[in-house]
Full PDB file with SEQRES, HELIX, SHEET, SSBOND, CRYST1, ORIGX, SCALE, CONECT and MASTER records, all heavy atoms in Angstrom:
SEQRES   1 A   34  GLY ILE GLU GLU PRO PHE CYS GLY GLY THR LEU ILE GLU          
SEQRES   2 A   34  SER GLN TRP VAL LEU THR ALA ALA HIS CYS PHE ASP ARG          
SEQRES   3 A   34  LEU LYS ASP VAL SER SER VAL ARG                              
HELIX    1 AA1 ALA A   21  PHE A   24  5                                   4    
SHEET    1 AA1 2 THR A  10  GLU A  13  0                                        
SHEET    2 AA1 2 TRP A  16  LEU A  18 -1                                        
SSBOND   1 CYS A    7    CYS A   23                          1555   1555  2.08  
CRYST1    1.000    1.000    1.000  90.00  90.00  90.00 P 1           1          
ORIGX1      1.000000  0.000000  0.000000        0.00000                         
ORIGX2      0.000000  1.000000  0.000000        0.00000                         
ORIGX3      0.000000  0.000000  1.000000        0.00000                         
SCALE1      1.000000  0.000000  0.000000        0.00000                         
SCALE2      0.000000  1.000000  0.000000        0.00000                         
SCALE3      0.000000  0.000000  1.000000        0.00000                         
ATOM      1  N   GLY A   1     -11.617 -19.831 -27.889  1.00  0.00           N  
ATOM      2  CA  GLY A   1     -10.199 -19.502 -27.889  1.00  0.00           C  
ATOM      3  C   GLY A   1      -9.921 -18.023 -27.723  1.00  0.00           C  
ATOM      4  O   GLY A   1      -8.768 -17.625 -27.541  1.00  0.00           O  
ATOM      5  N   ILE A   2     -10.968 -17.208 -27.807  1.00  0.00           N  
ATOM      6  CA  ILE A   2     -10.806 -15.764 -27.629  1.00  0.00           C  
ATOM      7  C   ILE A   2     -10.584 -15.451 -26.157  1.00  0.00           C  
ATOM      8  O   ILE A   2     -11.227 -16.037 -25.275  1.00  0.00           O  
ATOM      9  CB  ILE A   2     -12.050 -15.011 -28.157  1.00  0.00           C  
ATOM     10  CG1 ILE A   2     -12.176 -15.201 -29.669  1.00  0.00           C  
ATOM     11  CG2 ILE A   2     -11.976 -13.515 -27.811  1.00  0.00           C  
ATOM     12  CD1 ILE A   2     -13.451 -14.637 -30.251  1.00  0.00           C  
ATOM     13  N   GLU A   3      -9.678 -14.542 -25.876  1.00  0.00           N  
ATOM     14  CA  GLU A   3      -9.427 -14.096 -24.513  1.00  0.00           C  
ATOM     15  C   GLU A   3     -10.171 -12.782 -24.280  1.00  0.00           C  
ATOM     16  O   GLU A   3      -9.907 -11.793 -24.960  1.00  0.00           O  
ATOM     17  CB  GLU A   3      -7.921 -13.902 -24.273  1.00  0.00           C  
ATOM     18  CG  GLU A   3      -7.152 -15.205 -24.293  1.00  0.00           C  
ATOM     19  CD  GLU A   3      -5.661 -14.998 -24.075  1.00  0.00           C  
ATOM     20  OE1 GLU A   3      -5.135 -13.960 -24.511  1.00  0.00           O  
ATOM     21  OE2 GLU A   3      -5.040 -15.875 -23.458  1.00  0.00           O  
ATOM     22  N   GLU A   4     -11.087 -12.789 -23.332  1.00  0.00           N  
ATOM     23  CA  GLU A   4     -11.925 -11.615 -23.074  1.00  0.00           C  
ATOM     24  C   GLU A   4     -11.629 -11.068 -21.681  1.00  0.00           C  
ATOM     25  O   GLU A   4     -11.724 -11.789 -20.686  1.00  0.00           O  
ATOM     26  CB  GLU A   4     -13.400 -11.989 -23.188  1.00  0.00           C  
ATOM     27  CG  GLU A   4     -14.361 -10.813 -23.082  1.00  0.00           C  
ATOM     28  CD  GLU A   4     -14.208  -9.797 -24.221  1.00  0.00           C  
ATOM     29  OE1 GLU A   4     -13.783 -10.194 -25.332  1.00  0.00           O  
ATOM     30  OE2 GLU A   4     -14.513  -8.607 -23.986  1.00  0.00           O  
ATOM     31  N   PRO A   5     -11.258  -9.787 -21.568  1.00  0.00           N  
ATOM     32  CA  PRO A   5     -11.007  -9.220 -20.240  1.00  0.00           C  
ATOM     33  C   PRO A   5     -12.295  -9.119 -19.427  1.00  0.00           C  
ATOM     34  O   PRO A   5     -13.338  -8.736 -19.944  1.00  0.00           O  
ATOM     35  CB  PRO A   5     -10.435  -7.837 -20.544  1.00  0.00           C  
ATOM     36  CG  PRO A   5     -10.852  -7.517 -21.937  1.00  0.00           C  
ATOM     37  CD  PRO A   5     -11.001  -8.817 -22.648  1.00  0.00           C  
ATOM     38  N   PHE A   6     -12.216  -9.507 -18.160  1.00  0.00           N  
ATOM     39  CA  PHE A   6     -13.385  -9.401 -17.286  1.00  0.00           C  
ATOM     40  C   PHE A   6     -13.084  -8.604 -16.026  1.00  0.00           C  
ATOM     41  O   PHE A   6     -14.001  -8.220 -15.298  1.00  0.00           O  
ATOM     42  CB  PHE A   6     -13.931 -10.790 -16.927  1.00  0.00           C  
ATOM     43  CG  PHE A   6     -12.998 -11.640 -16.085  1.00  0.00           C  
ATOM     44  CD1 PHE A   6     -13.092 -11.631 -14.699  1.00  0.00           C  
ATOM     45  CD2 PHE A   6     -12.043 -12.440 -16.682  1.00  0.00           C  
ATOM     46  CE1 PHE A   6     -12.247 -12.415 -13.919  1.00  0.00           C  
ATOM     47  CE2 PHE A   6     -11.194 -13.231 -15.924  1.00  0.00           C  
ATOM     48  CZ  PHE A   6     -11.292 -13.221 -14.533  1.00  0.00           C  
ATOM     49  N   CYS A   7     -11.814  -8.335 -15.751  1.00  0.00           N  
ATOM     50  CA  CYS A   7     -11.434  -7.537 -14.590  1.00  0.00           C  
ATOM     51  C   CYS A   7     -10.084  -6.886 -14.859  1.00  0.00           C  
ATOM     52  O   CYS A   7      -9.397  -7.221 -15.824  1.00  0.00           O  
ATOM     53  CB  CYS A   7     -11.344  -8.406 -13.326  1.00  0.00           C  
ATOM     54  SG  CYS A   7     -12.893  -8.489 -12.374  1.00  0.00           S  
ATOM     55  N   GLY A   8      -9.735  -5.957 -13.986  1.00  0.00           N  
ATOM     56  CA  GLY A   8      -8.434  -5.319 -14.056  1.00  0.00           C  
ATOM     57  C   GLY A   8      -7.591  -5.698 -12.854  1.00  0.00           C  
ATOM     58  O   GLY A   8      -8.033  -6.403 -11.945  1.00  0.00           O  
ATOM     59  N   GLY A   9      -6.379  -5.231 -12.852  1.00  0.00           N  
ATOM     60  CA  GLY A   9      -5.471  -5.462 -11.738  1.00  0.00           C  
ATOM     61  C   GLY A   9      -4.329  -4.472 -11.817  1.00  0.00           C  
ATOM     62  O   GLY A   9      -4.243  -3.659 -12.740  1.00  0.00           O  
ATOM     63  N   THR A  10      -3.424  -4.552 -10.850  1.00  0.00           N  
ATOM     64  CA  THR A  10      -2.311  -3.610 -10.769  1.00  0.00           C  
ATOM     65  C   THR A  10      -1.037  -4.342 -10.398  1.00  0.00           C  
ATOM     66  O   THR A  10      -1.001  -5.072  -9.404  1.00  0.00           O  
ATOM     67  CB  THR A  10      -2.592  -2.536  -9.698  1.00  0.00           C  
ATOM     68  OG1 THR A  10      -3.893  -1.993  -9.899  1.00  0.00           O  
ATOM     69  CG2 THR A  10      -1.565  -1.422  -9.767  1.00  0.00           C  
ATOM     70  N   LEU A  11       0.007  -4.148 -11.186  1.00  0.00           N  
ATOM     71  CA  LEU A  11       1.302  -4.745 -10.882  1.00  0.00           C  
ATOM     72  C   LEU A  11       1.946  -3.975  -9.732  1.00  0.00           C  
ATOM     73  O   LEU A  11       2.226  -2.781  -9.850  1.00  0.00           O  
ATOM     74  CB  LEU A  11       2.200  -4.691 -12.118  1.00  0.00           C  
ATOM     75  CG  LEU A  11       3.532  -5.448 -12.021  1.00  0.00           C  
ATOM     76  CD1 LEU A  11       3.302  -6.954 -11.991  1.00  0.00           C  
ATOM     77  CD2 LEU A  11       4.460  -5.071 -13.178  1.00  0.00           C  
ATOM     78  N   ILE A  12       2.163  -4.662  -8.611  1.00  0.00           N  
ATOM     79  CA  ILE A  12       2.762  -4.003  -7.447  1.00  0.00           C  
ATOM     80  C   ILE A  12       4.180  -4.500  -7.171  1.00  0.00           C  
ATOM     81  O   ILE A  12       4.943  -3.841  -6.470  1.00  0.00           O  
ATOM     82  CB  ILE A  12       1.890  -4.159  -6.180  1.00  0.00           C  
ATOM     83  CG1 ILE A  12       1.634  -5.634  -5.871  1.00  0.00           C  
ATOM     84  CG2 ILE A  12       0.578  -3.395  -6.336  1.00  0.00           C  
ATOM     85  CD1 ILE A  12       0.949  -5.864  -4.524  1.00  0.00           C  
ATOM     86  N   GLU A  13       4.515  -5.663  -7.697  1.00  0.00           N  
ATOM     87  CA  GLU A  13       5.886  -6.180  -7.725  1.00  0.00           C  
ATOM     88  C   GLU A  13       5.994  -7.016  -8.979  1.00  0.00           C  
ATOM     89  O   GLU A  13       4.979  -7.360  -9.591  1.00  0.00           O  
ATOM     90  CB  GLU A  13       6.230  -6.999  -6.471  1.00  0.00           C  
ATOM     91  CG  GLU A  13       6.640  -6.149  -5.291  1.00  0.00           C  
ATOM     92  CD  GLU A  13       7.418  -6.922  -4.237  1.00  0.00           C  
ATOM     93  OE1 GLU A  13       7.741  -8.110  -4.457  1.00  0.00           O  
ATOM     94  OE2 GLU A  13       7.702  -6.330  -3.181  1.00  0.00           O  
ATOM     95  N   SER A  14       7.218  -7.401  -9.344  1.00  0.00           N  
ATOM     96  CA  SER A  14       7.418  -8.021 -10.662  1.00  0.00           C  
ATOM     97  C   SER A  14       6.598  -9.289 -10.871  1.00  0.00           C  
ATOM     98  O   SER A  14       6.273  -9.631 -12.006  1.00  0.00           O  
ATOM     99  CB  SER A  14       8.900  -8.325 -10.871  1.00  0.00           C  
ATOM    100  OG  SER A  14       9.360  -9.264  -9.913  1.00  0.00           O  
ATOM    101  N   GLN A  15       6.239  -9.984  -9.787  1.00  0.00           N  
ATOM    102  CA  GLN A  15       5.485 -11.234  -9.936  1.00  0.00           C  
ATOM    103  C   GLN A  15       4.133 -11.188  -9.241  1.00  0.00           C  
ATOM    104  O   GLN A  15       3.470 -12.213  -9.126  1.00  0.00           O  
ATOM    105  CB  GLN A  15       6.323 -12.414  -9.413  1.00  0.00           C  
ATOM    106  CG  GLN A  15       5.949 -13.755 -10.035  1.00  0.00           C  
ATOM    107  CD  GLN A  15       6.974 -14.847  -9.734  1.00  0.00           C  
ATOM    108  OE1 GLN A  15       8.047 -14.583  -9.220  1.00  0.00           O  
ATOM    109  NE2 GLN A  15       6.640 -16.089 -10.063  1.00  0.00           N  
ATOM    110  N   TRP A  16       3.705 -10.002  -8.812  1.00  0.00           N  
ATOM    111  CA  TRP A  16       2.467  -9.903  -8.040  1.00  0.00           C  
ATOM    112  C   TRP A  16       1.541  -8.818  -8.597  1.00  0.00           C  
ATOM    113  O   TRP A  16       1.975  -7.688  -8.832  1.00  0.00           O  
ATOM    114  CB  TRP A  16       2.771  -9.599  -6.579  1.00  0.00           C  
ATOM    115  CG  TRP A  16       3.401 -10.744  -5.846  1.00  0.00           C  
ATOM    116  CD1 TRP A  16       4.733 -10.953  -5.641  1.00  0.00           C  
ATOM    117  CD2 TRP A  16       2.727 -11.847  -5.233  1.00  0.00           C  
ATOM    118  NE1 TRP A  16       4.924 -12.112  -4.926  1.00  0.00           N  
ATOM    119  CE2 TRP A  16       3.714 -12.684  -4.663  1.00  0.00           C  
ATOM    120  CE3 TRP A  16       1.374 -12.201  -5.109  1.00  0.00           C  
ATOM    121  CZ2 TRP A  16       3.397 -13.853  -3.973  1.00  0.00           C  
ATOM    122  CZ3 TRP A  16       1.051 -13.367  -4.427  1.00  0.00           C  
ATOM    123  CH2 TRP A  16       2.055 -14.181  -3.867  1.00  0.00           C  
ATOM    124  N   VAL A  17       0.285  -9.190  -8.751  1.00  0.00           N  
ATOM    125  CA  VAL A  17      -0.760  -8.278  -9.225  1.00  0.00           C  
ATOM    126  C   VAL A  17      -1.846  -8.194  -8.157  1.00  0.00           C  
ATOM    127  O   VAL A  17      -2.313  -9.213  -7.635  1.00  0.00           O  
ATOM    128  CB  VAL A  17      -1.359  -8.775 -10.559  1.00  0.00           C  
ATOM    129  CG1 VAL A  17      -2.644  -8.028 -10.901  1.00  0.00           C  
ATOM    130  CG2 VAL A  17      -0.344  -8.612 -11.689  1.00  0.00           C  
ATOM    131  N   LEU A  18      -2.239  -6.976  -7.831  1.00  0.00           N  
ATOM    132  CA  LEU A  18      -3.306  -6.724  -6.863  1.00  0.00           C  
ATOM    133  C   LEU A  18      -4.618  -6.564  -7.613  1.00  0.00           C  
ATOM    134  O   LEU A  18      -4.685  -5.890  -8.641  1.00  0.00           O  
ATOM    135  CB  LEU A  18      -2.991  -5.449  -6.074  1.00  0.00           C  
ATOM    136  CG  LEU A  18      -3.879  -5.115  -4.879  1.00  0.00           C  
ATOM    137  CD1 LEU A  18      -3.727  -6.143  -3.774  1.00  0.00           C  
ATOM    138  CD2 LEU A  18      -3.535  -3.719  -4.352  1.00  0.00           C  
ATOM    139  N   THR A  19      -5.692  -7.175  -7.100  1.00  0.00           N  
ATOM    140  CA  THR A  19      -6.989  -7.091  -7.769  1.00  0.00           C  
ATOM    141  C   THR A  19      -8.096  -7.219  -6.728  1.00  0.00           C  
ATOM    142  O   THR A  19      -7.838  -7.180  -5.517  1.00  0.00           O  
ATOM    143  CB  THR A  19      -7.102  -8.174  -8.868  1.00  0.00           C  
ATOM    144  OG1 THR A  19      -8.293  -7.951  -9.640  1.00  0.00           O  
ATOM    145  CG2 THR A  19      -7.123  -9.575  -8.277  1.00  0.00           C  
ATOM    146  N   ALA A  20      -9.343  -7.360  -7.188  1.00  0.00           N  
ATOM    147  CA  ALA A  20     -10.498  -7.507  -6.290  1.00  0.00           C  
ATOM    148  C   ALA A  20     -10.849  -8.984  -6.138  1.00  0.00           C  
ATOM    149  O   ALA A  20     -10.852  -9.735  -7.127  1.00  0.00           O  
ATOM    150  CB  ALA A  20     -11.694  -6.733  -6.841  1.00  0.00           C  
ATOM    151  N   ALA A  21     -11.160  -9.386  -4.923  1.00  0.00           N  
ATOM    152  CA  ALA A  21     -11.527 -10.787  -4.673  1.00  0.00           C  
ATOM    153  C   ALA A  21     -12.788 -11.181  -5.433  1.00  0.00           C  
ATOM    154  O   ALA A  21     -12.915 -12.311  -5.916  1.00  0.00           O  
ATOM    155  CB  ALA A  21     -11.704 -11.010  -3.171  1.00  0.00           C  
ATOM    156  N   HIS A  22     -13.741 -10.237  -5.584  1.00  0.00           N  
ATOM    157  CA  HIS A  22     -15.030 -10.603  -6.184  1.00  0.00           C  
ATOM    158  C   HIS A  22     -14.905 -10.953  -7.660  1.00  0.00           C  
ATOM    159  O   HIS A  22     -15.815 -11.551  -8.234  1.00  0.00           O  
ATOM    160  CB  HIS A  22     -16.072  -9.489  -5.971  1.00  0.00           C  
ATOM    161  CG  HIS A  22     -15.998  -8.371  -6.964  1.00  0.00           C  
ATOM    162  ND1 HIS A  22     -15.400  -7.164  -6.693  1.00  0.00           N  
ATOM    163  CD2 HIS A  22     -16.464  -8.272  -8.238  1.00  0.00           C  
ATOM    164  CE1 HIS A  22     -15.506  -6.364  -7.742  1.00  0.00           C  
ATOM    165  NE2 HIS A  22     -16.135  -7.019  -8.700  1.00  0.00           N  
ATOM    166  N   CYS A  23     -13.765 -10.606  -8.277  1.00  0.00           N  
ATOM    167  CA  CYS A  23     -13.564 -10.976  -9.682  1.00  0.00           C  
ATOM    168  C   CYS A  23     -13.604 -12.488  -9.878  1.00  0.00           C  
ATOM    169  O   CYS A  23     -13.886 -12.968 -10.983  1.00  0.00           O  
ATOM    170  CB  CYS A  23     -12.221 -10.430 -10.171  1.00  0.00           C  
ATOM    171  SG  CYS A  23     -12.201  -8.637 -10.423  1.00  0.00           S  
ATOM    172  N   PHE A  24     -13.319 -13.225  -8.808  1.00  0.00           N  
ATOM    173  CA  PHE A  24     -13.215 -14.676  -8.924  1.00  0.00           C  
ATOM    174  C   PHE A  24     -14.352 -15.404  -8.211  1.00  0.00           C  
ATOM    175  O   PHE A  24     -14.245 -16.599  -7.928  1.00  0.00           O  
ATOM    176  CB  PHE A  24     -11.855 -15.127  -8.385  1.00  0.00           C  
ATOM    177  CG  PHE A  24     -10.707 -14.550  -9.177  1.00  0.00           C  
ATOM    178  CD1 PHE A  24     -10.136 -13.338  -8.805  1.00  0.00           C  
ATOM    179  CD2 PHE A  24     -10.223 -15.194 -10.291  1.00  0.00           C  
ATOM    180  CE1 PHE A  24      -9.089 -12.793  -9.536  1.00  0.00           C  
ATOM    181  CE2 PHE A  24      -9.181 -14.655 -11.037  1.00  0.00           C  
ATOM    182  CZ  PHE A  24      -8.615 -13.459 -10.652  1.00  0.00           C  
ATOM    183  N   ASP A  25     -15.462 -14.689  -7.947  1.00  0.00           N  
ATOM    184  CA  ASP A  25     -16.597 -15.322  -7.273  1.00  0.00           C  
ATOM    185  C   ASP A  25     -17.132 -16.528  -8.031  1.00  0.00           C  
ATOM    186  O   ASP A  25     -17.546 -17.522  -7.431  1.00  0.00           O  
ATOM    187  CB  ASP A  25     -17.737 -14.302  -7.088  1.00  0.00           C  
ATOM    188  CG  ASP A  25     -17.484 -13.347  -5.932  1.00  0.00           C  
ATOM    189  OD1 ASP A  25     -16.508 -13.561  -5.181  1.00  0.00           O  
ATOM    190  OD2 ASP A  25     -18.257 -12.381  -5.782  1.00  0.00           O  
ATOM    191  N   ARG A  26     -17.148 -16.452  -9.356  1.00  0.00           N  
ATOM    192  CA  ARG A  26     -17.759 -17.507 -10.165  1.00  0.00           C  
ATOM    193  C   ARG A  26     -16.739 -18.458 -10.774  1.00  0.00           C  
ATOM    194  O   ARG A  26     -17.102 -19.345 -11.548  1.00  0.00           O  
ATOM    195  CB  ARG A  26     -18.598 -16.877 -11.287  1.00  0.00           C  
ATOM    196  CG  ARG A  26     -19.735 -16.014 -10.767  1.00  0.00           C  
ATOM    197  CD  ARG A  26     -20.528 -15.412 -11.917  1.00  0.00           C  
ATOM    198  NE  ARG A  26     -21.572 -14.523 -11.444  1.00  0.00           N  
ATOM    199  CZ  ARG A  26     -22.385 -13.833 -12.237  1.00  0.00           C  
ATOM    200  NH1 ARG A  26     -22.267 -13.945 -13.553  1.00  0.00           N  
ATOM    201  NH2 ARG A  26     -23.302 -13.037 -11.737  1.00  0.00           N  
ATOM    202  N   LEU A  27     -15.476 -18.271 -10.452  1.00  0.00           N  
ATOM    203  CA  LEU A  27     -14.427 -19.109 -11.031  1.00  0.00           C  
ATOM    204  C   LEU A  27     -13.833 -20.012  -9.967  1.00  0.00           C  
ATOM    205  O   LEU A  27     -13.257 -19.538  -8.992  1.00  0.00           O  
ATOM    206  CB  LEU A  27     -13.325 -18.233 -11.633  1.00  0.00           C  
ATOM    207  CG  LEU A  27     -13.636 -17.545 -12.957  1.00  0.00           C  
ATOM    208  CD1 LEU A  27     -12.499 -16.603 -13.316  1.00  0.00           C  
ATOM    209  CD2 LEU A  27     -13.842 -18.554 -14.065  1.00  0.00           C  
ATOM    210  N   LYS A  28     -13.989 -21.310 -10.153  1.00  0.00           N  
ATOM    211  CA  LYS A  28     -13.399 -22.248  -9.213  1.00  0.00           C  
ATOM    212  C   LYS A  28     -12.017 -22.706  -9.680  1.00  0.00           C  
ATOM    213  O   LYS A  28     -11.236 -23.239  -8.916  1.00  0.00           O  
ATOM    214  CB  LYS A  28     -14.319 -23.460  -9.042  1.00  0.00           C  
ATOM    215  CG  LYS A  28     -15.708 -23.089  -8.519  1.00  0.00           C  
ATOM    216  CD  LYS A  28     -16.426 -24.311  -8.027  1.00  0.00           C  
ATOM    217  CE  LYS A  28     -17.856 -24.029  -7.589  1.00  0.00           C  
ATOM    218  NZ  LYS A  28     -17.978 -22.917  -6.667  1.00  0.00           N  
ATOM    219  N   ASP A  29     -11.734 -22.498 -10.963  1.00  0.00           N  
ATOM    220  CA  ASP A  29     -10.469 -22.924 -11.545  1.00  0.00           C  
ATOM    221  C   ASP A  29      -9.879 -21.757 -12.338  1.00  0.00           C  
ATOM    222  O   ASP A  29     -10.546 -21.208 -13.222  1.00  0.00           O  
ATOM    223  CB  ASP A  29     -10.714 -24.126 -12.466  1.00  0.00           C  
ATOM    224  CG  ASP A  29      -9.444 -24.633 -13.123  1.00  0.00           C  
ATOM    225  OD1 ASP A  29      -8.355 -24.207 -12.705  1.00  0.00           O  
ATOM    226  OD2 ASP A  29      -9.545 -25.439 -14.061  1.00  0.00           O  
ATOM    227  N   VAL A  30      -8.658 -21.378 -12.023  1.00  0.00           N  
ATOM    228  CA  VAL A  30      -8.046 -20.222 -12.699  1.00  0.00           C  
ATOM    229  C   VAL A  30      -7.143 -20.650 -13.856  1.00  0.00           C  
ATOM    230  O   VAL A  30      -6.422 -19.820 -14.411  1.00  0.00           O  
ATOM    231  CB  VAL A  30      -7.249 -19.352 -11.701  1.00  0.00           C  
ATOM    232  CG1 VAL A  30      -8.158 -18.749 -10.660  1.00  0.00           C  
ATOM    233  CG2 VAL A  30      -6.117 -20.152 -11.064  1.00  0.00           C  
ATOM    234  N   SER A  31      -7.195 -21.928 -14.229  1.00  0.00           N  
ATOM    235  CA  SER A  31      -6.314 -22.392 -15.304  1.00  0.00           C  
ATOM    236  C   SER A  31      -6.647 -21.748 -16.646  1.00  0.00           C  
ATOM    237  O   SER A  31      -5.786 -21.673 -17.534  1.00  0.00           O  
ATOM    238  CB  SER A  31      -6.386 -23.915 -15.429  1.00  0.00           C  
ATOM    239  OG  SER A  31      -7.701 -24.321 -15.770  1.00  0.00           O  
ATOM    240  N   SER A  32      -7.896 -21.289 -16.802  1.00  0.00           N  
ATOM    241  CA  SER A  32      -8.289 -20.639 -18.056  1.00  0.00           C  
ATOM    242  C   SER A  32      -8.160 -19.119 -17.990  1.00  0.00           C  
ATOM    243  O   SER A  32      -8.573 -18.412 -18.905  1.00  0.00           O  
ATOM    244  CB  SER A  32      -9.735 -21.000 -18.409  1.00  0.00           C  
ATOM    245  OG  SER A  32     -10.613 -20.573 -17.380  1.00  0.00           O  
ATOM    246  N   VAL A  33      -7.580 -18.611 -16.907  1.00  0.00           N  
ATOM    247  CA  VAL A  33      -7.425 -17.165 -16.718  1.00  0.00           C  
ATOM    248  C   VAL A  33      -5.989 -16.759 -17.044  1.00  0.00           C  
ATOM    249  O   VAL A  33      -5.030 -17.456 -16.696  1.00  0.00           O  
ATOM    250  CB  VAL A  33      -7.778 -16.757 -15.275  1.00  0.00           C  
ATOM    251  CG1 VAL A  33      -7.557 -15.261 -15.060  1.00  0.00           C  
ATOM    252  CG2 VAL A  33      -9.221 -17.127 -14.958  1.00  0.00           C  
ATOM    253  N   ARG A  34      -5.850 -15.654 -17.739  1.00  0.00           N  
ATOM    254  CA  ARG A  34      -4.553 -15.104 -18.053  1.00  0.00           C  
ATOM    255  C   ARG A  34      -4.482 -13.670 -17.544  1.00  0.00           C  
ATOM    256  O   ARG A  34      -5.512 -13.000 -17.403  1.00  0.00           O  
ATOM    257  CB  ARG A  34      -4.301 -15.110 -19.573  1.00  0.00           C  
ATOM    258  CG  ARG A  34      -4.248 -16.512 -20.172  1.00  0.00           C  
ATOM    259  CD  ARG A  34      -2.990 -17.251 -19.755  1.00  0.00           C  
ATOM    260  NE  ARG A  34      -2.900 -18.573 -20.357  1.00  0.00           N  
ATOM    261  CZ  ARG A  34      -3.387 -19.682 -19.803  1.00  0.00           C  
ATOM    262  NH1 ARG A  34      -4.018 -19.615 -18.631  1.00  0.00           N  
ATOM    263  NH2 ARG A  34      -3.247 -20.847 -20.387  1.00  0.00           N  
TER     264      ARG A  34                                                      
CONECT   54  171                                                                
CONECT  171   54                                                                
MASTER        0    0    0    1    2    0    0    6  263    1    2    3          
END                                                                             
């Protein structure tokens, strides 16, 4: 249940965050990502 940061990102518009594609290399489902 602990939320652990694994990558960063940048808010570029109110509903959009820019990040690196490789952050999600091992994640097939983003439902557990916040």
